[in-house]
Protein backbone atom coordinates (compact mmCIF):
# COMPACT_ATOMS: atom_id res chain seq x y z
CA MET A 1 91.15 92.71 86.18
CA GLU A 2 92.87 89.37 86.69
CA SER A 3 95.64 90.36 84.27
CA VAL A 4 96.17 93.70 85.99
CA ALA A 5 96.29 92.05 89.41
CA LYS A 6 98.79 89.47 88.18
CA TRP A 7 101.17 92.02 86.67
CA ALA A 8 100.90 94.32 89.68
CA SER A 9 101.88 91.49 92.01
CA VAL A 10 104.77 90.44 89.78
CA ILE A 11 106.13 93.98 89.39
CA GLY A 12 105.78 94.70 93.11
CA GLY A 13 107.54 91.48 94.08
CA ILE A 14 110.41 92.05 91.66
CA GLY A 15 110.75 95.66 92.86
CA ILE A 16 111.02 94.64 96.51
CA PHE A 17 113.62 91.98 95.65
CA VAL A 18 115.72 94.48 93.68
CA CYS A 19 115.48 97.09 96.47
CA PHE A 20 116.52 94.53 99.08
CA PHE A 21 119.50 93.42 96.99
CA ALA A 22 120.58 96.99 96.19
CA SER A 23 120.28 98.09 99.84
CA SER A 24 122.34 95.11 101.06
CA TYR A 25 125.02 95.80 98.47
CA PHE A 26 125.10 99.51 99.34
CA LEU A 27 125.47 98.90 103.08
CA SER A 28 128.28 96.37 102.64
CA SER A 29 130.19 98.48 100.10
CA TRP A 30 129.73 101.69 102.09
CA GLY A 31 131.00 100.07 105.27
CA SER A 32 134.12 98.65 103.59
CA SER A 33 134.92 101.89 101.75
CA HIS A 34 134.41 103.94 104.93
CA ASP A 35 137.01 101.84 106.77
CA ASP A 36 139.57 102.57 104.06
CA VAL A 37 139.23 106.37 104.23
CA ASP A 38 142.32 108.38 105.12
CA TRP A 39 140.72 111.25 107.02
CA ASN A 40 143.88 113.32 106.70
CA ASP A 41 142.85 113.89 103.08
CA TRP A 42 139.60 115.46 104.23
CA VAL A 43 140.94 117.99 106.72
CA VAL A 44 139.47 121.35 105.67
CA TYR A 45 141.02 123.57 108.36
CA GLU A 46 143.83 123.15 110.86
CA VAL A 47 143.73 125.91 113.43
CA GLU A 48 146.47 126.91 115.83
CA GLY A 49 144.84 128.03 119.05
CA ASN A 50 141.30 127.46 120.26
CA GLU A 51 139.23 129.80 118.10
CA ALA A 52 138.94 131.07 114.55
CA THR A 53 136.54 132.53 112.00
CA LEU A 54 136.02 129.92 109.26
CA PHE A 55 133.93 129.81 106.12
CA LEU A 56 131.63 126.79 106.12
CA ASP A 57 129.55 125.53 103.19
CA GLU A 58 125.93 124.63 103.92
CA ASP A 59 126.18 121.62 101.55
CA VAL A 60 129.02 120.06 103.55
CA GLY A 61 128.94 118.40 106.97
CA TYR A 62 131.88 119.16 109.28
CA THR A 63 133.35 117.46 112.34
CA ILE A 64 135.63 119.01 114.96
CA TYR A 65 138.69 117.09 116.19
CA VAL A 66 141.18 117.88 118.95
CA GLU A 67 144.45 116.19 119.88
CA ASP A 68 144.14 112.93 121.77
CA THR A 69 145.94 114.42 124.77
CA HIS A 70 142.46 115.61 125.67
CA SER A 71 139.46 113.57 126.69
CA CYS A 72 136.31 113.94 124.63
CA SER A 73 134.20 114.43 127.74
CA GLU A 74 136.28 117.41 128.90
CA VAL A 75 136.23 119.33 125.62
CA THR A 76 133.33 121.16 124.04
CA ALA A 77 132.89 123.78 121.32
CA LYS A 78 130.71 126.62 120.13
CA VAL A 79 130.00 127.40 116.47
CA TYR A 80 128.15 130.67 116.03
CA PHE A 81 126.58 132.07 112.87
CA GLU A 82 124.39 135.15 113.17
CA GLY A 83 123.88 134.51 116.87
CA GLU A 84 122.91 130.83 116.56
CA ASP A 85 125.04 127.95 117.85
CA TYR A 86 125.35 125.10 115.33
CA TYR A 87 127.60 122.79 117.34
CA TYR A 88 126.35 119.28 118.19
CA GLU A 89 128.29 117.16 120.66
CA ASN A 90 129.16 113.75 119.25
CA CYS A 91 131.95 111.71 120.85
CA ASP A 92 132.39 108.60 118.73
CA PRO A 93 135.76 106.77 119.04
CA TYR A 94 135.01 104.91 115.79
CA TYR A 95 135.87 108.05 113.82
CA ASP A 96 139.08 108.86 115.71
CA PHE A 97 142.23 108.69 113.59
CA ASP A 98 145.96 109.15 114.12
CA ASP A 99 146.41 111.59 117.03
CA TRP A 100 142.94 113.15 116.73
CA ILE A 101 139.69 112.46 118.58
CA GLN A 102 136.24 113.55 117.48
CA ILE A 103 134.36 115.84 119.86
CA GLY A 104 131.33 116.90 117.82
CA ASP A 105 129.69 117.92 114.55
CA ILE A 106 128.80 121.24 113.01
CA VAL A 107 125.20 121.25 111.81
CA ASN A 108 125.45 124.32 109.62
CA TRP A 109 122.31 125.36 107.77
CA TYR A 110 123.82 128.36 106.02
CA SER A 111 127.02 129.13 104.14
CA GLY A 112 129.17 131.89 105.58
CA ASP A 113 131.78 132.82 108.15
CA HIS A 114 131.26 130.94 111.41
CA GLN A 115 132.87 131.76 114.74
CA VAL A 116 134.37 128.49 116.00
CA GLN A 117 135.66 128.19 119.56
CA VAL A 118 136.93 125.01 121.25
CA ILE A 119 136.92 124.99 125.05
CA ALA A 120 138.56 122.55 127.48
CA ASP A 121 137.44 122.14 131.09
CA SER A 122 141.05 122.04 132.24
CA GLY A 123 144.05 123.44 130.44
CA SER A 124 143.81 124.92 126.97
CA VAL A 125 143.31 123.62 123.44
CA GLU A 126 146.42 124.40 121.42
CA ARG A 127 144.96 123.41 118.06
CA PHE A 128 142.03 121.70 116.42
CA ILE A 129 141.00 120.58 112.95
CA ILE A 130 137.78 120.67 110.93
CA VAL A 131 137.09 117.58 108.80
CA ASP A 132 134.68 117.27 105.88
CA TRP A 133 132.87 113.96 106.55
CA THR A 134 130.15 114.15 103.87
CA SER A 135 132.04 114.59 100.59
CA VAL A 136 133.90 111.32 101.11
CA GLU A 137 130.56 109.50 101.07
CA GLY A 138 129.70 110.85 97.63
CA ASN A 139 126.04 110.38 96.68
CA SER A 140 125.34 107.73 99.32
CA PHE A 141 122.59 109.75 100.99
CA GLU A 142 120.78 110.38 97.71
CA PHE A 143 121.11 106.71 96.79
CA ALA A 144 119.72 105.60 100.14
CA LEU A 145 116.81 108.04 99.81
CA LEU A 146 115.93 106.88 96.29
CA SER A 147 116.19 103.24 97.35
CA GLY A 148 113.79 103.86 100.21
CA VAL A 149 111.26 105.56 97.93
CA ALA A 150 111.54 102.75 95.37
CA CYS A 151 111.01 100.08 98.05
CA CYS A 152 107.91 101.86 99.38
CA ALA A 153 106.50 102.19 95.85
CA SER A 154 107.15 98.49 95.12
CA LEU A 155 105.47 97.47 98.36
CA LEU A 156 102.44 99.62 97.51
CA VAL A 157 102.16 98.05 94.03
CA LEU A 158 102.43 94.56 95.54
CA VAL A 159 99.66 95.28 98.08
CA ILE A 160 97.40 96.66 95.32
CA GLY A 161 98.08 93.55 93.23
CA LEU A 162 97.14 91.24 96.10
CA ILE A 163 93.95 93.20 96.80
CA LEU A 164 92.93 93.06 93.12
CA THR A 165 93.67 89.34 93.05
CA GLY A 166 91.39 88.78 96.04
CA LEU A 167 88.59 90.81 94.46
CA SER A 168 88.85 89.03 91.11
CA GLU A 169 88.63 85.63 92.81
CA LYS A 170 85.46 86.65 94.62
CA LYS A 171 83.81 87.84 91.40
CA SER A 172 84.66 84.72 89.36
CA PRO A 173 81.45 82.69 88.66
CA ALA A 174 81.39 79.15 89.95
CA THR A 175 81.84 76.44 87.28
CA PRO A 176 78.72 74.25 86.95
CA GLN A 177 79.25 70.73 88.24
CA PHE A 178 77.31 67.82 86.69
CA VAL A 179 76.88 64.41 88.27
CA ARG A 180 76.17 61.19 86.36
CA ASP A 181 73.70 58.86 88.05
CA SER A 182 73.31 55.07 87.71
CA SER A 183 71.04 55.40 84.65
CA GLY A 184 73.64 57.42 82.76
CA HIS A 185 71.91 60.79 83.10
CA TYR A 186 73.92 63.99 83.81
CA SER A 187 72.29 66.41 86.20
CA ASN A 188 73.13 69.58 88.07
CA PRO A 189 73.01 68.85 91.81
CA GLY A 190 71.13 72.12 92.37
CA GLN A 191 68.50 71.26 89.81
CA ALA A 192 68.25 67.64 90.87
CA SER A 193 66.74 68.68 94.16
CA GLU A 194 63.90 70.37 92.24
CA GLY A 195 63.22 67.28 90.18
CA ARG A 196 64.76 68.61 86.95
CA ALA A 197 67.36 66.40 85.31
CA GLU A 198 69.22 67.07 82.12
CA ARG A 199 69.09 63.99 79.89
CA ASP A 200 71.15 63.04 76.92
CA PRO A 201 69.31 64.30 73.75
CA SER A 202 70.21 61.16 71.79
CA GLU A 203 68.54 58.99 74.45
CA SER A 204 65.34 61.08 74.28
CA ASP A 205 65.14 60.69 70.52
CA SER A 206 65.48 56.93 70.75
CA GLU A 207 62.60 56.72 73.24
CA TRP A 208 60.37 58.84 70.93
CA TRP A 209 60.90 56.51 68.00
CA ASN A 210 60.15 53.51 70.16
């Protein structure tokens, strides 16, 4: 059991270290690559007017942008598919680019033709664009998910190893301790209290001959 506990602790510790290193590297590389993205390359639709019927893929996440002559707080949208609205308001200036501001995301669960309408509180929206914001990230979500699972598994193995180590230490028999007295005899302290001492056999033999 001691060997199993030792290897479980080692494997769990190494796994957690690798997961921590991989996660740190992923976050730093993802942040730097995200800053370098030219979002013009990921424009899926550019619509003249304020509404259109557009085909959206369920495996792709989309964001709606309007011209920066508008304020994000005064513009909203509706994205209908089979009677359900899949628009989610999300005004984040970090993702604004060129002359476009983000107003919200399309959380589409199904592929098909969606009715998209952009509405301004005052005035009218002359055009808007739909941007694919997930494809540019590649397999980052899958990588993050796998890293999380691996970290949890490593932590579980480490905890099991520590528990087994504690149990093996409790079950280990105590090593007998012998004390040598002034006459040169070796005795077990537990037996000494009962009057039983363990003497050197060679000394006993010499006393018999004498």
